[in-house]
Amino acid sequence: MKELLYARDERGRKLYFEVKEEKNTLFLTLKKETFADCKELWLLPELGSAAIGDEGFYMLPRNIEMSGDPLVRFIQREDNHFCYDKAILSLYGIKTPNITALIRLERTYKYWFDIILKNGIYNVMPHFDFTVNDKVYDDIRLELVLFCKEDGYAQMAVYERELRLERKEIPNLKEKCKKEAVEYARKYPLIRIRMGWKPSPSVIRHQSPENEPEMFVACSFERVCDIADQLKLKGVEGAELQLVGWNISGHDGRFPQLMPPDHRLGGLDGLKKCIEHVKKLGYRISLHTNTIDAVEIANCFDWNDICVQNGGYLQMGHYSGGLAYHVCPIKQLKNAKRDLPELSKLGLNGLHFTDVISIALPDTCTSEDHPCNQTQGISAFRENMSYTSELFGGFSSEGSFDFAVGDLDFALYVCFGDGFGKKTRPFCESTIPLFELIYHGILLYNPSSPTVNYPIKDEATRLRFFMNGGRPSFYFFSRFRSGGASNWMGATDLTSTTDEELSSAAERIALACKEYSDLKLDDRQLIHMCDYEVLGNGLEVATYEDGAKMVGNFSDKELYYEGATVPAWDFIIL
């Protein structure tokens, strides 16, 4: 096998890894001096070679815009080449007639996956490009974990989880639930409420107080109290209300500036009364903040905070506040320590939400004052998350890159999934919930952006939410983008504009809470998944460590599993 343990550069040179063997694992190191002059590298380009018709698969991690993790079979098809980046898991698996292995990558550099079929031969390889990402600054380190030929993706997933637990890189959810806010979140749903926003994207790209567009008020602090009252009236025992766009100029309005709470929503006094009222009803309450985006209208906008790339400032995104610039990861931490202590004094008791930080890889910054490579960026992100968690008693964010899992208590969605539209993946006939197999029982999550508000969506979305082990998540005014821009949580929405709309929304939330409680899915959050089978006839089976099986029927007809009836577009627990 050692002849296959190499990287190939853009000139076709083979650069061999140093190999250290321990038990079932080969620790591979490519010294930075070896590839310092390389523009591109393809790692282990022949290790996973397989011919059309071979038994086996490639187990690949989804990226933030994929719904499920691709399972590539070696079937007959035309020659093709597919690549993608932003994989949320830093690993992949191969099972061929020659080898069954899990390859774990240390996130020292950004990379993408190349899947190639040429002349009847499949190959998969991580691809590094030093012309567009970090320059060479560290070694490349991999772990090649060898499995028995009978093993499959479930054994690989369980191994990954147990290894990270053993190394104390991540705690179990039971450990996280020692924090009161996390234990509460395990039992009860999240209800996010978008309160105010300017047109997004804004036609005014460079905003100032003189030309700032008017903010639309969807829900005042007083109306949040009405929502809480209605939830109580409908019998919702517990919920965490999370306020979005509560800050000056609303959602994405003047980030990173937060204070004061917008006067059109009720100002600081209104926010304080709202927090007190929600807590008095026995619910919890938290706030949404953002450290990655900076717009010029913010009173704390500082060009020295902005990430520098290719000799210029990194402009990424166009939202309510106009053109947004990405703040260097190191400066994001500085801004969090400046702004969050003031919020922590308000008496908030939910899982504080920092936008984006867990659904993005940190930007490379080449500023002379605050240079930041990927390793330093991940360290800054993790310190930011840990600091926020200590301050508020828990931490939540938008997604779930695996570097964040140890510090993250809840992910609003594992990924966007098909929230921005279904993408073509030429090598993917089926998907598996690999992330969920590894991390269910490690953190709370909602499976994808479309499964937010699942009770008011189609049967398939609801079923996917339950089969993937989600925590119920709801959103008032999730749809806010204008001018044809995508609303990644879908077109179906919860609103509270009229009392009738509010009553209907609270009723749907109450029914969902009852189902979650009656099925004891709050307790199931603490139990690891150990297998997930896609049977091919419409049935999918999630098996848990306590022996329970959740069987879902993704078809229009009643089906049977081990003598039990599974209704169409529904699930049973055995």
Protein backbone atom coordinates (compact mmCIF):
# COMPACT_ATOMS: atom_id res chain seq x y z
CA MET A 1 0.00 0.00 0.00
CA LYS A 2 2.89 2.39 0.72
CA GLU A 3 3.36 3.04 -2.99
CA LEU A 4 -0.12 4.66 -2.99
CA LEU A 5 0.56 6.99 -0.07
CA TYR A 6 1.59 10.06 -2.00
CA ALA A 7 0.34 13.44 -3.22
CA ARG A 8 0.61 14.58 -6.82
CA ASP A 9 1.35 18.19 -7.74
CA GLU A 10 0.41 20.21 -10.82
CA ARG A 11 3.58 19.04 -12.57
CA GLY A 12 2.79 15.38 -12.02
CA ARG A 13 5.45 14.84 -9.33
CA LYS A 14 4.74 12.24 -6.66
CA LEU A 15 5.42 13.54 -3.14
CA TYR A 16 5.37 10.69 -0.61
CA PHE A 17 3.97 10.98 2.90
CA GLU A 18 5.96 10.06 5.95
CA VAL A 19 4.12 7.12 7.54
CA LYS A 20 3.77 6.13 11.17
CA GLU A 21 1.70 3.05 11.99
CA GLU A 22 -0.26 2.47 15.21
CA LYS A 23 -2.75 -0.39 15.51
CA ASN A 24 -5.29 0.07 12.69
CA THR A 25 -4.20 3.59 11.74
CA LEU A 26 -1.54 5.04 9.47
CA PHE A 27 -0.57 8.58 10.42
CA LEU A 28 0.50 10.38 7.24
CA THR A 29 2.54 13.59 7.17
CA LEU A 30 3.59 15.61 4.16
CA LYS A 31 6.25 18.04 5.30
CA LYS A 32 5.72 21.63 4.21
CA GLU A 33 9.24 21.78 2.81
CA THR A 34 8.23 19.01 0.41
CA PHE A 35 5.47 21.03 -1.27
CA ALA A 36 6.56 24.63 -0.58
CA ASP A 37 6.95 25.31 -4.30
CA CYS A 38 3.69 23.61 -5.36
CA LYS A 39 0.68 25.46 -6.71
CA GLU A 40 -1.74 22.52 -6.35
CA LEU A 41 -1.81 19.13 -4.67
CA TRP A 42 -4.05 16.09 -5.06
CA LEU A 43 -3.84 13.79 -2.03
CA LEU A 44 -3.84 9.99 -2.33
CA PRO A 45 -4.98 10.15 -5.97
CA GLU A 46 -4.89 6.36 -6.53
CA LEU A 47 -5.76 5.00 -3.10
CA GLY A 48 -9.49 4.80 -3.81
CA SER A 49 -9.26 3.57 -7.41
CA ALA A 50 -12.16 1.33 -8.40
CA ALA A 51 -13.47 0.02 -11.70
CA ILE A 52 -17.02 0.28 -12.98
CA GLY A 53 -18.95 -2.67 -11.55
CA ASP A 54 -16.78 -3.07 -8.43
CA GLU A 55 -18.52 -3.57 -5.11
CA GLY A 56 -18.14 -0.71 -2.64
CA PHE A 57 -18.57 3.04 -2.40
CA TYR A 58 -17.11 6.44 -1.68
CA MET A 59 -18.58 7.97 1.48
CA LEU A 60 -18.30 11.74 1.07
CA PRO A 61 -19.24 14.59 3.41
CA ARG A 62 -21.91 17.05 2.32
CA ASN A 63 -21.10 20.69 1.87
CA ILE A 64 -23.28 23.48 3.23
CA GLU A 65 -25.60 23.43 0.20
CA MET A 66 -26.12 19.67 -0.06
CA SER A 67 -29.05 17.73 1.30
CA GLY A 68 -27.48 14.61 2.82
CA ASP A 69 -24.02 13.09 2.47
CA PRO A 70 -23.26 11.56 -0.96
CA LEU A 71 -22.74 7.83 -1.29
CA VAL A 72 -21.05 7.14 -4.63
CA ARG A 73 -21.41 3.63 -6.06
CA PHE A 74 -19.21 2.33 -8.87
CA ILE A 75 -21.98 2.02 -11.43
CA GLN A 76 -21.86 2.34 -15.21
CA ARG A 77 -21.93 5.97 -16.36
CA GLU A 78 -20.14 8.30 -18.74
CA ASP A 79 -16.77 9.83 -17.91
CA ASN A 80 -17.17 12.83 -15.64
CA HIS A 81 -15.36 15.05 -13.15
CA PHE A 82 -17.13 16.70 -10.22
CA CYS A 83 -15.62 18.86 -7.50
CA TYR A 84 -17.01 20.69 -4.49
CA ASP A 85 -15.69 22.56 -1.47
CA LYS A 86 -16.88 23.63 2.01
CA ALA A 87 -17.36 20.06 3.26
CA ILE A 88 -18.70 20.22 6.82
CA LEU A 89 -16.86 17.04 7.85
CA SER A 90 -13.09 16.77 7.49
CA LEU A 91 -13.09 13.13 6.40
CA TYR A 92 -14.15 10.72 3.69
CA GLY A 93 -14.45 6.95 3.35
CA ILE A 94 -13.53 4.48 0.64
CA LYS A 95 -14.59 0.87 0.23
CA THR A 96 -13.18 -0.95 -2.77
CA PRO A 97 -12.14 -4.57 -3.44
CA ASN A 98 -8.63 -3.54 -2.29
CA ILE A 99 -9.22 -1.36 0.78
CA THR A 100 -11.84 -0.22 3.29
CA ALA A 101 -10.69 2.93 5.04
CA LEU A 102 -11.68 6.19 6.68
CA ILE A 103 -9.43 9.12 5.79
CA ARG A 104 -9.37 11.95 8.33
CA LEU A 105 -7.94 15.33 7.33
CA GLU A 106 -6.57 17.93 9.69
CA ARG A 107 -7.95 21.34 8.72
CA THR A 108 -4.66 23.12 8.17
CA TYR A 109 -5.70 24.25 4.69
CA LYS A 110 -8.88 24.68 2.67
CA TYR A 111 -9.48 21.96 0.10
CA TRP A 112 -12.16 20.51 -2.09
CA PHE A 113 -13.06 17.01 -3.23
CA ASP A 114 -12.47 15.79 -6.78
CA ILE A 115 -14.52 12.76 -7.91
CA ILE A 116 -13.39 11.47 -11.28
CA LEU A 117 -14.50 8.74 -13.66
CA LYS A 118 -12.20 8.28 -16.65
CA ASN A 119 -11.84 5.26 -18.93
CA GLY A 120 -13.90 3.11 -16.57
CA ILE A 121 -11.89 3.95 -13.44
CA TYR A 122 -13.21 5.91 -10.45
CA ASN A 123 -11.01 8.01 -8.19
CA VAL A 124 -11.63 10.42 -5.31
CA MET A 125 -9.08 12.81 -3.78
CA PRO A 126 -8.82 15.99 -1.70
CA HIS A 127 -7.51 18.85 -3.83
CA PHE A 128 -5.46 21.74 -2.38
CA ASP A 129 -4.93 24.99 -4.30
CA PHE A 130 -2.29 27.31 -2.81
CA THR A 131 -2.93 30.01 -5.41
CA VAL A 132 -6.38 30.93 -4.06
CA ASN A 133 -6.28 30.00 -0.37
CA ASP A 134 -3.55 29.97 2.30
CA LYS A 135 0.04 29.92 1.17
CA VAL A 136 2.12 27.02 2.48
CA TYR A 137 2.64 27.47 6.22
CA ASP A 138 2.25 24.01 7.80
CA ASP A 139 2.53 20.29 7.15
CA ILE A 140 -0.41 18.32 5.77
CA ARG A 141 -1.52 15.59 8.18
CA LEU A 142 -3.92 12.72 7.53
CA GLU A 143 -5.05 9.65 9.43
CA LEU A 144 -5.78 6.56 7.37
CA VAL A 145 -7.95 4.24 9.47
CA LEU A 146 -8.18 0.69 8.11
CA PHE A 147 -11.38 -1.36 8.51
CA CYS A 148 -12.36 -4.97 7.85
CA LYS A 149 -13.69 -5.57 4.34
CA GLU A 150 -17.11 -6.40 5.82
CA ASP A 151 -17.42 -2.95 7.44
CA GLY A 152 -19.39 -0.08 5.93
CA TYR A 153 -20.14 3.59 6.44
CA ALA A 154 -21.94 3.01 9.76
CA GLN A 155 -18.81 1.51 11.32
CA MET A 156 -16.77 4.44 9.99
CA ALA A 157 -19.20 6.96 11.47
CA VAL A 158 -19.26 5.30 14.88
CA TYR A 159 -15.46 5.11 14.88
CA GLU A 160 -15.19 8.83 14.14
CA ARG A 161 -17.49 9.72 17.02
CA GLU A 162 -15.81 7.42 19.51
CA LEU A 163 -12.35 8.60 18.50
CA ARG A 164 -13.23 12.27 19.01
CA LEU A 165 -14.84 11.46 22.37
CA GLU A 166 -11.81 9.42 23.44
CA ARG A 167 -9.48 12.29 22.53
CA LYS A 168 -11.74 14.69 24.44
CA GLU A 169 -12.18 16.88 21.37
CA ILE A 170 -15.93 16.85 21.92
CA PRO A 171 -18.21 16.16 24.89
CA ASN A 172 -21.39 14.11 24.79
CA LEU A 173 -24.69 15.96 24.84
CA LYS A 174 -25.25 14.58 28.36
CA GLU A 175 -22.21 16.56 29.45
CA LYS A 176 -23.42 19.68 27.65
CA CYS A 177 -26.82 19.29 29.32
CA LYS A 178 -25.24 20.01 32.70
CA LYS A 179 -25.76 23.60 31.57
CA GLU A 180 -29.36 24.52 32.38
CA ALA A 181 -29.99 26.29 29.08
CA VAL A 182 -28.87 23.25 27.07
CA GLU A 183 -30.96 20.81 29.12
CA TYR A 184 -33.95 23.08 28.55
CA ALA A 185 -33.20 23.26 24.81
CA ARG A 186 -33.14 19.46 24.62
CA LYS A 187 -36.73 19.32 25.88
CA TYR A 188 -38.32 22.31 24.20
CA PRO A 189 -38.34 24.00 20.79
CA LEU A 190 -36.58 27.06 19.49
CA ILE A 191 -38.82 29.86 18.23
CA ARG A 192 -36.96 32.57 16.35
CA ILE A 193 -38.73 35.88 15.70
CA ARG A 194 -37.41 38.25 13.05
CA MET A 195 -38.53 41.65 14.28
CA GLY A 196 -37.35 44.25 11.81
CA TRP A 197 -35.33 44.67 8.63
CA LYS A 198 -34.57 47.04 5.79
CA PRO A 199 -34.96 45.90 2.17
CA SER A 200 -32.55 43.01 1.59
CA PRO A 201 -30.59 43.32 -0.62
CA SER A 202 -30.65 47.10 -0.36
CA VAL A 203 -30.53 49.31 -3.45
CA ILE A 204 -28.35 51.67 -1.37
CA ARG A 205 -25.06 49.81 -1.20
CA HIS A 206 -23.08 52.34 0.83
CA GLN A 207 -25.35 53.55 3.64
CA SER A 208 -25.09 56.42 6.08
CA PRO A 209 -27.57 57.80 8.63
CA GLU A 210 -28.59 60.34 5.97
CA ASN A 211 -29.48 57.87 3.20
CA GLU A 212 -30.41 54.78 5.24
CA PRO A 213 -33.62 53.07 4.00
CA GLU A 214 -36.60 52.81 6.36
CA MET A 215 -36.84 49.67 8.47
CA PHE A 216 -39.91 47.45 8.21
CA VAL A 217 -41.36 46.57 11.61
CA ALA A 218 -42.70 43.02 11.59
CA CYS A 219 -42.90 42.41 15.34
CA SER A 220 -42.33 44.81 18.24
CA PHE A 221 -41.11 43.78 21.67
CA GLU A 222 -44.70 44.15 22.86
CA ARG A 223 -45.86 41.77 20.14
CA VAL A 224 -43.23 39.23 21.24
CA CYS A 225 -44.99 39.27 24.62
CA ASP A 226 -48.25 38.52 22.78
CA ILE A 227 -46.59 35.56 21.07
CA ALA A 228 -45.41 34.23 24.42
CA ASP A 229 -48.89 34.70 25.90
CA GLN A 230 -50.48 32.84 23.00
CA LEU A 231 -48.03 29.96 23.32
CA LYS A 232 -48.96 29.67 26.99
CA LEU A 233 -52.65 29.77 26.14
CA LYS A 234 -52.21 26.92 23.63
CA GLY A 235 -50.48 24.77 26.23
CA VAL A 236 -46.85 25.04 25.09
CA GLU A 237 -45.02 23.94 28.23
CA GLY A 238 -41.61 25.27 27.27
CA ALA A 239 -39.92 27.21 24.48
CA GLU A 240 -36.88 29.34 23.84
CA LEU A 241 -37.76 32.61 22.12
CA GLN A 242 -34.86 34.03 20.16
CA LEU A 243 -35.06 37.61 18.93
CA VAL A 244 -33.59 38.37 15.50
CA GLY A 245 -33.33 41.91 14.13
CA TRP A 246 -33.93 43.41 17.58
CA ASN A 247 -30.82 45.59 17.20
CA ILE A 248 -30.49 49.04 15.68
CA SER A 249 -31.85 49.10 12.10
CA GLY A 250 -32.98 45.48 12.38
CA HIS A 251 -31.55 42.28 10.96
CA ASP A 252 -28.27 42.82 9.08
CA GLY A 253 -28.95 46.56 9.43
CA ARG A 254 -25.81 47.94 11.06
CA PHE A 255 -23.64 44.97 12.04
CA PRO A 256 -21.39 44.71 13.95
CA GLN A 257 -23.13 47.55 15.84
CA LEU A 258 -25.88 46.15 18.06
CA MET A 259 -26.98 48.77 20.55
CA PRO A 260 -29.28 50.45 21.16
CA PRO A 261 -32.26 48.15 20.48
CA ASP A 262 -34.21 49.82 17.71
CA HIS A 263 -36.61 52.47 19.05
CA ARG A 264 -39.22 51.47 16.43
CA LEU A 265 -39.43 48.06 18.13
CA GLY A 266 -39.71 49.55 21.62
CA GLY A 267 -36.14 50.49 22.48
CA LEU A 268 -34.12 49.30 25.46
CA ASP A 269 -37.03 49.60 27.90
CA GLY A 270 -39.19 47.53 25.57
CA LEU A 271 -36.52 44.82 25.30
CA LYS A 272 -36.09 44.66 29.08
CA LYS A 273 -39.85 44.36 29.64
CA CYS A 274 -40.03 41.68 26.95
CA ILE A 275 -37.25 39.62 28.56
CA GLU A 276 -38.91 39.88 31.95
CA HIS A 277 -42.34 38.91 30.58
CA VAL A 278 -41.09 35.87 28.66
CA LYS A 279 -39.16 34.58 31.68
CA LYS A 280 -42.15 35.15 33.96
CA LEU A 281 -44.15 32.73 31.79
CA GLY A 282 -41.49 30.07 32.35
CA TYR A 283 -39.94 30.36 28.90
CA ARG A 284 -36.36 31.21 28.00
CA ILE A 285 -35.15 34.02 25.79
CA SER A 286 -31.98 34.78 23.82
CA LEU A 287 -30.67 37.15 21.17
CA HIS A 288 -29.15 36.88 17.69
CA THR A 289 -25.89 38.72 17.02
CA ASN A 290 -23.35 38.79 14.19
CA THR A 291 -19.59 39.31 14.27
CA ILE A 292 -18.55 38.32 10.74
CA ASP A 293 -20.34 41.06 8.76
CA ALA A 294 -19.54 44.77 8.91
CA VAL A 295 -21.34 47.53 7.00
CA GLU A 296 -20.12 51.09 6.64
CA ILE A 297 -23.08 52.65 8.46
CA ALA A 298 -22.13 50.97 11.78
CA ASN A 299 -20.81 53.45 14.35
CA CYS A 300 -18.03 50.96 15.14
CA PHE A 301 -17.06 50.23 11.53
CA ASP A 302 -13.27 50.04 11.28
CA TRP A 303 -11.38 49.26 8.08
CA ASN A 304 -8.62 47.78 10.24
CA ASP A 305 -11.09 45.06 11.31
CA ILE A 306 -11.76 43.94 7.75
CA CYS A 307 -10.16 40.86 6.26
CA VAL A 308 -7.53 41.59 3.61
CA GLN A 309 -7.10 39.38 0.56
CA ASN A 310 -5.24 39.97 -2.70
CA GLY A 311 -4.30 43.45 -1.53
CA GLY A 312 -7.89 44.58 -0.94
CA TYR A 313 -10.69 44.36 1.61
CA LEU A 314 -12.88 41.25 1.50
CA GLN A 315 -16.38 42.32 0.45
CA MET A 316 -18.82 39.40 0.85
CA GLY A 317 -22.58 39.68 0.71
CA HIS A 318 -25.18 42.34 0.01
CA TYR A 319 -27.86 42.65 2.68
CA SER A 320 -30.09 45.14 4.48
CA GLY A 321 -27.16 47.37 5.43
CA GLY A 322 -25.79 47.45 1.89
CA LEU A 323 -22.47 45.89 0.92
CA ALA A 324 -21.07 43.78 3.76
CA TYR A 325 -17.38 43.24 4.45
CA HIS A 326 -16.01 40.20 6.27
CA VAL A 327 -14.30 40.89 9.57
CA CYS A 328 -11.03 39.05 10.15
CA PRO A 329 -11.58 36.08 12.53
CA ILE A 330 -9.11 37.55 15.01
CA LYS A 331 -10.97 40.87 15.00
CA GLN A 332 -14.33 39.10 15.34
CA LEU A 333 -13.19 37.80 18.70
CA LYS A 334 -12.08 41.29 19.72
CA ASN A 335 -15.50 42.73 18.78
CA ALA A 336 -17.37 39.97 20.64
CA LYS A 337 -15.45 40.75 23.82
CA ARG A 338 -16.27 44.43 23.32
CA ASP A 339 -20.02 44.05 22.69
CA LEU A 340 -21.39 40.92 24.36
CA PRO A 341 -20.80 41.70 28.07
CA GLU A 342 -23.36 44.52 27.84
CA LEU A 343 -25.97 42.08 26.49
CA SER A 344 -25.20 39.51 29.17
CA LYS A 345 -26.37 41.99 31.81
CA LEU A 346 -29.92 41.97 30.39
CA GLY A 347 -30.89 38.75 32.15
CA LEU A 348 -31.07 36.55 29.04
CA ASN A 349 -31.24 32.82 29.81
CA GLY A 350 -31.30 30.99 26.48
CA LEU A 351 -28.57 29.78 24.10
CA HIS A 352 -27.02 32.91 22.69
CA PHE A 353 -26.87 32.86 18.87
CA THR A 354 -23.88 34.15 16.92
CA ASP A 355 -24.63 34.14 13.21
CA VAL A 356 -22.57 32.30 10.56
CA ILE A 357 -19.56 31.37 12.73
CA SER A 358 -20.24 27.61 12.66
CA ILE A 359 -21.41 27.37 9.03
CA ALA A 360 -18.34 28.95 7.43
CA LEU A 361 -14.67 28.23 7.24
CA PRO A 362 -12.66 31.17 8.57
CA ASP A 363 -11.38 33.60 5.96
CA THR A 364 -7.67 33.82 5.29
CA CYS A 365 -6.45 37.32 6.13
CA THR A 366 -3.19 38.79 4.87
CA SER A 367 -3.32 42.08 6.76
CA GLU A 368 0.07 43.08 8.15
CA ASP A 369 -1.63 44.06 11.43
CA HIS A 370 -3.68 40.89 11.94
CA PRO A 371 -2.67 38.05 9.57
CA CYS A 372 -4.79 34.92 9.97
CA ASN A 373 -4.49 31.51 8.31
CA GLN A 374 -7.06 28.73 8.58
CA THR A 375 -5.56 27.17 11.71
CA GLN A 376 -5.48 30.54 13.47
CA GLY A 377 -8.99 31.33 12.23
CA ILE A 378 -10.44 28.09 13.59
CA SER A 379 -8.73 28.78 16.91
CA ALA A 380 -10.23 32.31 17.00
CA PHE A 381 -13.69 30.99 16.08
CA ARG A 382 -13.53 28.38 18.85
CA GLU A 383 -12.35 30.91 21.41
CA ASN A 384 -15.20 33.19 20.34
CA MET A 385 -17.73 30.37 20.80
CA SER A 386 -16.30 29.29 24.14
CA TYR A 387 -16.21 32.87 25.42
CA THR A 388 -19.84 33.45 24.40
CA SER A 389 -20.96 30.18 25.95
CA GLU A 390 -19.33 31.05 29.27
CA LEU A 391 -20.94 34.47 29.19
CA PHE A 392 -24.49 33.30 28.46
CA GLY A 393 -24.55 29.70 29.70
CA GLY A 394 -24.74 28.12 26.25
CA PHE A 395 -24.04 28.70 22.59
CA SER A 396 -25.88 28.26 19.30
CA SER A 397 -25.13 29.24 15.73
CA GLU A 398 -26.19 28.69 12.16
CA GLY A 399 -24.49 25.47 11.07
CA SER A 400 -22.25 22.66 12.17
CA PHE A 401 -18.78 22.38 10.65
CA ASP A 402 -17.06 19.65 12.63
CA PHE A 403 -14.44 22.01 14.05
CA ALA A 404 -17.29 23.76 15.92
CA VAL A 405 -19.06 20.72 17.37
CA GLY A 406 -17.19 20.68 20.68
CA ASP A 407 -18.23 24.26 21.50
CA LEU A 408 -21.67 24.23 19.87
CA ASP A 409 -24.82 23.28 21.76
CA PHE A 410 -27.37 23.79 18.98
CA ALA A 411 -27.17 24.30 15.22
CA LEU A 412 -30.07 26.11 13.56
CA TYR A 413 -29.49 23.78 10.63
CA VAL A 414 -26.76 21.23 9.94
CA CYS A 415 -26.52 22.81 6.49
CA PHE A 416 -28.67 24.79 4.07
CA GLY A 417 -29.54 21.56 2.26
CA ASP A 418 -31.73 22.42 -0.73
CA GLY A 419 -32.63 25.78 0.80
CA PHE A 420 -31.03 27.61 -2.13
CA GLY A 421 -32.39 25.14 -4.69
CA LYS A 422 -31.55 21.56 -5.49
CA LYS A 423 -28.05 21.15 -6.91
CA THR A 424 -26.97 18.60 -9.52
CA ARG A 425 -24.51 16.06 -8.19
CA PRO A 426 -23.52 13.79 -11.08
CA PHE A 427 -21.97 11.07 -8.89
CA CYS A 428 -24.73 10.79 -6.29
CA GLU A 429 -27.60 8.31 -6.59
CA SER A 430 -28.31 8.20 -2.88
CA THR A 431 -27.41 10.02 0.31
CA ILE A 432 -26.96 9.05 3.94
CA PRO A 433 -27.13 11.22 7.08
CA LEU A 434 -23.44 10.74 7.85
CA PHE A 435 -23.22 13.87 9.99
CA GLU A 436 -26.19 12.73 12.07
CA LEU A 437 -24.75 9.23 12.42
CA ILE A 438 -21.61 10.74 13.93
CA TYR A 439 -23.02 13.61 15.97
CA HIS A 440 -26.52 12.72 17.14
CA GLY A 441 -26.16 12.59 20.91
CA ILE A 442 -23.29 15.10 20.73
CA LEU A 443 -25.24 18.26 19.95
CA LEU A 444 -28.77 19.46 19.22
CA TYR A 445 -29.56 20.42 15.64
CA ASN A 446 -32.24 21.02 13.08
CA PRO A 447 -31.38 18.95 9.97
CA SER A 448 -31.54 21.62 7.24
CA SER A 449 -32.89 25.09 6.54
CA PRO A 450 -36.04 23.73 4.78
CA THR A 451 -36.96 21.72 7.91
CA VAL A 452 -37.38 24.93 9.92
CA ASN A 453 -41.17 25.28 10.40
CA TYR A 454 -41.59 21.62 9.35
CA PRO A 455 -45.19 21.30 10.71
CA ILE A 456 -46.49 23.72 8.07
CA LYS A 457 -44.54 22.18 5.20
CA ASP A 458 -44.94 19.07 3.05
CA GLU A 459 -44.94 15.49 4.34
CA ALA A 460 -41.47 14.71 3.00
CA THR A 461 -39.91 17.65 4.86
CA ARG A 462 -41.61 16.65 8.10
CA LEU A 463 -40.48 13.03 7.71
CA ARG A 464 -36.88 14.04 6.95
CA PHE A 465 -36.85 16.19 10.11
CA PHE A 466 -37.79 13.23 12.31
CA MET A 467 -35.66 10.61 10.58
CA ASN A 468 -32.59 12.80 10.93
CA GLY A 469 -33.17 13.37 14.65
CA GLY A 470 -33.91 17.09 14.74
CA ARG A 471 -34.84 19.46 17.54
CA PRO A 472 -38.08 21.35 16.65
CA SER A 473 -37.27 24.81 15.30
CA PHE A 474 -39.74 27.49 14.28
CA TYR A 475 -39.36 30.91 12.72
CA PHE A 476 -41.74 33.87 12.65
CA PHE A 477 -41.00 35.93 9.54
CA SER A 478 -38.35 33.58 8.14
CA ARG A 479 -39.13 35.00 4.70
CA PHE A 480 -37.67 38.49 4.41
CA ARG A 481 -35.43 38.72 1.35
CA SER A 482 -36.66 40.87 -1.51
CA GLY A 483 -35.91 41.52 -5.18
CA GLY A 484 -35.91 37.83 -6.08
CA ALA A 485 -33.24 36.93 -3.49
CA SER A 486 -33.55 33.44 -2.01
CA ASN A 487 -35.34 32.81 1.28
CA TRP A 488 -33.43 29.68 2.25
CA MET A 489 -35.96 28.50 4.83
CA GLY A 490 -38.66 28.38 2.16
CA ALA A 491 -41.75 30.32 1.15
CA THR A 492 -44.02 28.87 3.85
CA ASP A 493 -43.88 31.02 6.95
CA LEU A 494 -45.19 31.67 10.45
CA THR A 495 -46.48 35.22 10.99
CA SER A 496 -48.08 37.22 13.77
CA THR A 497 -49.36 40.26 11.90
CA THR A 498 -52.96 39.58 12.92
CA ASP A 499 -54.33 37.84 16.00
CA GLU A 500 -55.69 35.11 13.74
CA GLU A 501 -52.25 34.46 12.26
CA LEU A 502 -50.69 34.40 15.71
CA SER A 503 -53.31 31.99 17.08
CA SER A 504 -52.85 29.64 14.12
CA ALA A 505 -49.06 29.70 14.43
CA ALA A 506 -49.16 28.99 18.17
CA GLU A 507 -51.57 26.12 17.56
CA ARG A 508 -49.21 24.46 15.07
CA ILE A 509 -46.27 24.90 17.43
CA ALA A 510 -48.29 23.41 20.30
CA LEU A 511 -49.20 20.33 18.26
CA ALA A 512 -45.58 19.82 17.24
CA CYS A 513 -44.42 20.13 20.85
CA LYS A 514 -46.96 17.54 21.95
CA GLU A 515 -45.81 15.07 19.30
CA TYR A 516 -42.15 15.59 20.24
CA SER A 517 -42.96 15.05 23.91
CA ASP A 518 -45.36 12.12 23.47
CA LEU A 519 -42.78 10.22 21.43
CA LYS A 520 -40.10 11.05 24.03
CA LEU A 521 -37.83 12.39 21.30
CA ASP A 522 -36.30 14.79 23.82
CA ASP A 523 -34.78 11.78 25.60
CA ARG A 524 -33.74 10.26 22.26
CA GLN A 525 -31.52 13.32 21.69
CA LEU A 526 -29.12 11.83 24.24
CA ILE A 527 -28.75 8.51 22.42
CA HIS A 528 -26.27 7.99 19.60
CA MET A 529 -27.30 6.67 16.20
CA CYS A 530 -25.34 3.58 15.23
CA ASP A 531 -26.71 2.79 11.77
CA TYR A 532 -28.83 4.27 9.01
CA GLU A 533 -30.11 2.13 6.14
CA VAL A 534 -31.72 3.28 2.90
CA LEU A 535 -33.56 0.14 1.84
CA GLY A 536 -34.45 1.22 -1.69
CA ASN A 537 -38.20 0.56 -1.54
CA GLY A 538 -38.97 3.88 0.14
CA LEU A 539 -38.09 2.71 3.64
CA GLU A 540 -35.24 4.19 5.65
CA VAL A 541 -34.21 2.88 9.08
CA ALA A 542 -32.32 4.80 11.76
CA THR A 543 -30.98 2.48 14.47
CA TYR A 544 -29.99 3.83 17.88
CA GLU A 545 -27.60 2.46 20.47
CA ASP A 546 -30.45 1.48 22.81
CA GLY A 547 -31.77 -0.88 20.10
CA ALA A 548 -34.67 1.31 19.03
CA LYS A 549 -35.36 1.71 15.33
CA MET A 550 -37.07 4.64 13.67
CA VAL A 551 -38.54 3.46 10.38
CA GLY A 552 -39.59 6.08 7.83
CA ASN A 553 -41.68 5.53 4.73
CA PHE A 554 -40.75 7.93 1.92
CA SER A 555 -43.42 6.65 -0.45
CA ASP A 556 -47.09 7.16 -1.31
CA LYS A 557 -48.17 3.70 -0.18
CA GLU A 558 -48.30 1.78 3.07
CA LEU A 559 -45.24 -0.42 3.58
CA TYR A 560 -44.18 -3.11 6.05
CA TYR A 561 -41.04 -3.59 8.09
CA GLU A 562 -40.43 -6.61 10.35
CA GLY A 563 -44.16 -7.24 10.48
CA ALA A 564 -45.04 -3.64 11.38
CA THR A 565 -47.07 -1.27 9.20
CA VAL A 566 -45.41 2.00 8.24
CA PRO A 567 -47.93 4.56 6.89
CA ALA A 568 -47.10 6.53 3.75
CA TRP A 569 -44.91 9.59 4.44
CA ASP A 570 -44.73 8.79 8.14
CA PHE A 571 -42.60 6.87 10.60
CA ILE A 572 -42.86 4.40 13.45
CA ILE A 573 -40.50 3.63 16.33
CA LEU A 574 -39.80 -0.02 17.14
